[in-house]
Amino acid sequence: MAPLNPFPRIEQVELQALQLDDACALLKHDAKNCQQEAGESATDYLQRIIDDLCDISLKDPLTGLGNRRHFRSILERSIEAVARSGESVLLLMLDIDHFKTINDSHGHLVGDQVLQAIAKCLAGSVRPMDTVARYGGEEFAVILPHCRPLFGRAVAERIRQAVASLSVPVSPLLSVQVTISIGGAYAPEWVRSTADLWIERADLQLYSAKSGGRNRVCLDQPRELAVRAEEKGLLFGRPIMDEAPADLAQRCLRHD
């Protein structure tokens, strides 16, 4: 019996019969072309609309950074990479200090300008391979792959100083300066953890930075795990029960 096709053939769709008005309105708001181009087939057009909708669904509309959905997706993939390879990945959680005071004193439009300026500063302070996202409200997140513990604090300090040096013009006669507090944690190497536990560890460090006076960096430094080549073989090689009894006995003696 032939296997069932999970994607049955879709009959030809009349574009005029589709309700694309809301989709086009969203795409226009994001400065994307939602009109069918000359020579573009209905299939290619629909695929482009779907791709563009997926793209904007992962972006924060105010700052243009990745949104929380995008952040969680990258974080979960990073956990898998760390579990497989022992790669060193740093997660930073960043919170604008006294942001409520800015909104209360100058209004929410000024607050939005500050968020946009900080987002641009953060994006310009990291590598193209890093992920910067707006986590929610005045909180941001940065995922830094291939960032050894020796350099993590220096990177976080550089980001903090870059924001502290910003002067955000909000009117011809007024500029606003802000600071951020940063908490960070490394994913445990060679361990398959969870996104929630990783975020919680970074959040605890962020709370320490806030309660310690703000405008500072607190990192949860990882314990360096020395994983030998033999141990990596146990993790990724053939099962230990495949070994001959004499070899297994010798291995156990070495570990005792």
Protein backbone atom coordinates (compact mmCIF):
# COMPACT_ATOMS: atom_id res chain seq x y z
CA MET A 1 0.00 0.00 0.00
CA ALA A 2 1.37 3.40 -0.97
CA PRO A 3 2.08 5.70 2.02
CA LEU A 4 -0.35 8.53 2.60
CA ASN A 5 0.86 11.88 1.38
CA PRO A 6 0.80 14.35 4.33
CA PHE A 7 0.66 17.20 1.80
CA PRO A 8 -2.16 16.36 -0.59
CA ARG A 9 -2.17 18.09 -3.94
CA ILE A 10 -3.81 21.48 -3.71
CA GLU A 11 -6.02 22.46 -6.55
CA GLN A 12 -5.40 25.61 -8.54
CA VAL A 13 -6.32 28.61 -6.40
CA GLU A 14 -7.93 31.75 -7.77
CA LEU A 15 -6.03 34.67 -6.26
CA GLN A 16 -9.14 36.82 -6.44
CA ALA A 17 -10.96 34.33 -4.20
CA LEU A 18 -8.38 34.59 -1.42
CA GLN A 19 -8.84 37.04 1.46
CA LEU A 20 -5.42 38.70 1.28
CA ASP A 21 -6.38 42.24 2.31
CA ASP A 22 -5.21 41.90 5.91
CA ALA A 23 -1.99 40.17 4.86
CA CYS A 24 -1.25 42.93 2.33
CA ALA A 25 -1.97 45.63 4.92
CA LEU A 26 0.58 44.04 7.27
CA LEU A 27 3.18 43.78 4.54
CA LYS A 28 2.67 47.36 3.40
CA HIS A 29 3.17 48.53 6.98
CA ASP A 30 6.53 46.74 6.90
CA ALA A 31 7.41 48.33 3.53
CA LYS A 32 7.12 45.06 1.62
CA ASN A 33 5.65 44.74 -1.85
CA CYS A 34 2.41 42.75 -1.74
CA GLN A 35 1.41 43.20 -5.37
CA GLN A 36 1.77 40.39 -7.85
CA GLU A 37 4.59 41.29 -10.22
CA ALA A 38 4.49 40.98 -13.98
CA GLY A 39 5.32 37.43 -15.02
CA GLU A 40 5.07 36.12 -11.47
CA SER A 41 3.04 32.92 -11.23
CA ALA A 42 0.27 32.54 -8.68
CA THR A 43 2.34 29.91 -6.84
CA ASP A 44 5.43 32.12 -6.67
CA TYR A 45 3.34 35.07 -5.56
CA LEU A 46 1.66 33.15 -2.75
CA GLN A 47 5.02 31.71 -1.65
CA ARG A 48 6.47 35.23 -1.48
CA ILE A 49 3.51 36.44 0.60
CA ILE A 50 3.92 33.50 3.00
CA ASP A 51 7.70 34.05 3.29
CA ASP A 52 7.23 37.77 3.99
CA LEU A 53 4.54 37.08 6.60
CA CYS A 54 6.84 34.57 8.32
CA ASP A 55 9.62 37.16 8.27
CA ILE A 56 7.60 39.91 9.92
CA SER A 57 6.11 37.46 12.43
CA LEU A 58 9.61 37.09 13.90
CA LYS A 59 10.32 40.84 14.17
CA ASP A 60 9.48 43.39 16.83
CA PRO A 61 7.55 46.09 14.94
CA LEU A 62 8.93 49.01 16.97
CA THR A 63 12.66 48.25 16.98
CA GLY A 64 13.08 45.92 14.00
CA LEU A 65 14.94 43.44 16.19
CA GLY A 66 13.94 39.81 16.55
CA ASN A 67 10.92 39.34 18.79
CA ARG A 68 10.41 36.93 21.66
CA ARG A 69 9.31 34.12 19.34
CA HIS A 70 12.48 34.46 17.28
CA PHE A 71 14.61 34.68 20.43
CA ARG A 72 13.16 31.45 21.87
CA SER A 73 13.73 29.62 18.60
CA ILE A 74 17.40 30.62 18.47
CA LEU A 75 17.88 29.87 22.17
CA GLU A 76 16.49 26.35 21.87
CA ARG A 77 18.71 25.64 18.86
CA SER A 78 21.69 26.95 20.83
CA ILE A 79 20.94 24.53 23.68
CA GLU A 80 21.06 21.63 21.24
CA ALA A 81 24.37 22.87 19.80
CA VAL A 82 25.90 23.11 23.27
CA ALA A 83 24.71 19.61 24.19
CA ARG A 84 26.21 18.13 21.02
CA SER A 85 29.50 20.02 20.76
CA GLY A 86 30.24 21.69 24.09
CA GLU A 87 30.21 25.06 22.32
CA SER A 88 30.37 28.02 24.70
CA VAL A 89 27.24 30.21 24.34
CA LEU A 90 26.47 33.26 26.48
CA LEU A 91 22.97 34.60 27.07
CA LEU A 92 22.62 38.23 28.17
CA MET A 93 19.40 39.73 29.53
CA LEU A 94 19.40 43.55 29.46
CA ASP A 95 16.99 45.96 31.13
CA ILE A 96 16.82 49.76 30.72
CA ASP A 97 17.31 51.46 34.09
CA HIS A 98 14.46 53.70 35.30
CA PHE A 99 12.60 53.41 32.01
CA LYS A 100 9.26 54.14 33.68
CA THR A 101 10.63 57.53 34.74
CA ILE A 102 11.34 58.37 31.09
CA ASN A 103 7.78 57.50 30.08
CA ASP A 104 6.30 59.39 33.01
CA SER A 105 8.46 62.50 32.49
CA HIS A 106 8.56 62.75 28.70
CA GLY A 107 5.73 60.57 27.39
CA HIS A 108 5.54 57.24 25.62
CA LEU A 109 6.63 58.62 22.25
CA VAL A 110 9.95 59.61 23.78
CA GLY A 111 10.09 56.19 25.41
CA ASP A 112 9.68 54.61 21.98
CA GLN A 113 12.52 56.74 20.60
CA VAL A 114 14.75 55.57 23.43
CA LEU A 115 13.88 51.93 22.75
CA GLN A 116 14.68 52.36 19.07
CA ALA A 117 17.99 54.08 19.78
CA ILE A 118 19.07 51.38 22.23
CA ALA A 119 18.02 48.64 19.81
CA LYS A 120 20.19 50.18 17.10
CA CYS A 121 23.08 50.54 19.54
CA LEU A 122 22.83 46.90 20.63
CA ALA A 123 22.68 45.64 17.05
CA GLY A 124 25.80 47.66 16.25
CA SER A 125 27.71 46.40 19.30
CA VAL A 126 27.72 42.69 18.46
CA ARG A 127 28.83 40.40 15.66
CA PRO A 128 26.61 39.48 12.67
CA MET A 129 26.46 35.91 14.01
CA ASP A 130 24.96 37.09 17.34
CA THR A 131 21.23 37.41 17.98
CA VAL A 132 19.71 40.58 19.47
CA ALA A 133 16.02 40.52 20.36
CA ARG A 134 13.49 42.62 22.19
CA TYR A 135 12.33 40.32 24.97
CA GLY A 136 9.47 42.54 26.08
CA GLY A 137 8.83 46.07 27.33
CA GLU A 138 12.21 47.65 28.12
CA GLU A 139 14.05 44.31 28.24
CA PHE A 140 16.33 42.96 25.54
CA ALA A 141 18.24 39.72 25.07
CA VAL A 142 21.49 38.86 23.30
CA ILE A 143 22.68 35.36 22.39
CA LEU A 144 26.43 35.13 21.78
CA PRO A 145 27.65 31.83 20.30
CA HIS A 146 31.34 30.91 20.41
CA CYS A 147 31.91 33.30 23.32
CA ARG A 148 34.40 31.86 25.79
CA PRO A 149 34.03 32.76 29.49
CA LEU A 150 37.33 34.62 29.32
CA PHE A 151 35.76 37.21 26.99
CA GLY A 152 32.13 37.24 28.14
CA ARG A 153 32.46 39.97 30.74
CA ALA A 154 34.46 42.17 28.36
CA VAL A 155 31.74 41.84 25.70
CA ALA A 156 28.95 42.62 28.19
CA GLU A 157 30.87 45.63 29.53
CA ARG A 158 31.40 46.94 26.02
CA ILE A 159 27.65 46.75 25.38
CA ARG A 160 26.88 48.48 28.68
CA GLN A 161 29.34 51.29 27.97
CA ALA A 162 28.03 51.76 24.42
CA VAL A 163 24.51 52.34 25.73
CA ALA A 164 25.73 54.59 28.57
CA SER A 165 27.48 56.83 26.04
CA LEU A 166 24.30 57.30 23.98
CA SER A 167 22.60 60.67 23.87
CA VAL A 168 19.12 60.26 22.38
CA PRO A 169 17.77 63.50 20.84
CA VAL A 170 14.03 63.64 21.45
CA SER A 171 13.46 67.32 20.60
CA PRO A 172 15.56 70.28 19.37
CA LEU A 173 16.31 71.26 22.98
CA LEU A 174 16.26 67.90 24.75
CA SER A 175 18.38 64.77 24.73
CA VAL A 176 17.94 61.77 26.99
CA GLN A 177 20.70 59.58 28.38
CA VAL A 178 20.01 56.12 29.77
CA THR A 179 21.86 53.17 31.22
CA ILE A 180 21.20 49.44 31.21
CA SER A 181 21.75 46.62 33.67
CA ILE A 182 22.96 43.30 32.29
CA GLY A 183 22.71 39.78 33.64
CA GLY A 184 24.23 36.81 31.86
CA ALA A 185 24.62 33.05 32.04
CA TYR A 186 26.38 30.44 29.95
CA ALA A 187 24.61 27.31 28.78
CA PRO A 188 26.06 24.34 30.69
CA GLU A 189 28.44 22.55 28.36
CA TRP A 190 27.73 18.95 27.30
CA VAL A 191 24.34 19.13 29.05
CA ARG A 192 20.90 19.28 27.42
CA SER A 193 19.23 21.97 29.56
CA THR A 194 16.06 23.95 28.82
CA ALA A 195 15.44 27.47 27.57
CA ASP A 196 13.46 28.35 30.70
CA LEU A 197 16.24 27.29 33.08
CA TRP A 198 18.82 29.19 31.05
CA ILE A 199 16.71 32.36 31.02
CA GLU A 200 16.06 31.99 34.75
CA ARG A 201 19.79 31.86 35.51
CA ALA A 202 20.44 34.98 33.40
CA ASP A 203 17.45 36.74 35.02
CA LEU A 204 18.86 36.05 38.48
CA GLN A 205 22.06 37.80 37.46
CA LEU A 206 20.05 40.69 36.01
CA TYR A 207 18.24 41.02 39.34
CA SER A 208 21.65 41.12 41.08
CA ALA A 209 22.80 43.90 38.75
CA LYS A 210 19.61 45.88 39.45
CA SER A 211 19.73 45.42 43.21
CA GLY A 212 23.46 46.17 43.24
CA GLY A 213 23.00 49.71 41.94
CA ARG A 214 22.09 49.34 38.24
CA ASN A 215 24.28 50.24 35.24
CA ARG A 216 26.42 47.18 35.84
CA VAL A 217 27.09 43.65 34.62
CA CYS A 218 26.63 40.44 36.61
CA LEU A 219 27.52 37.10 35.00
CA ASP A 220 26.99 33.55 36.17
CA GLN A 221 30.39 32.17 35.26
CA PRO A 222 30.31 28.49 34.25
CA ARG A 223 32.36 25.79 35.80
CA GLU A 224 34.96 24.69 33.27
CA LEU A 225 34.33 21.04 32.43
CA ALA A 226 37.35 19.11 31.23
CA VAL A 227 35.87 16.52 28.89
CA ARG A 228 38.45 14.09 27.59
CA ALA A 229 38.38 12.61 24.11
CA GLU A 230 37.55 9.23 25.64
CA GLU A 231 34.53 10.70 27.42
CA LYS A 232 33.36 12.36 24.23
CA GLY A 233 33.57 8.92 22.63
CA LEU A 234 31.26 7.61 25.31
CA LEU A 235 28.82 10.42 24.55
CA PHE A 236 28.85 10.16 20.79
CA GLY A 237 30.54 6.86 19.90
CA ARG A 238 29.30 3.31 19.96
CA PRO A 239 27.52 2.05 23.10
CA ILE A 240 29.81 0.79 25.84
CA MET A 241 28.12 -2.64 25.82
CA ASP A 242 29.64 -3.28 22.38
CA GLU A 243 33.11 -3.53 23.94
CA ALA A 244 34.78 -6.80 24.73
CA PRO A 245 34.60 -7.78 28.43
CA ALA A 246 38.37 -7.37 28.90
CA ASP A 247 38.30 -3.84 27.43
CA LEU A 248 35.33 -2.94 29.60
CA ALA A 249 37.10 -4.18 32.73
CA GLN A 250 40.19 -2.14 31.90
CA ARG A 251 38.05 1.00 31.37
CA CYS A 252 36.34 0.53 34.74
CA LEU A 253 39.71 0.06 36.48
CA ARG A 254 40.99 3.33 34.98
CA HIS A 255 37.95 5.22 36.33
CA ASP A 256 38.17 3.72 39.85
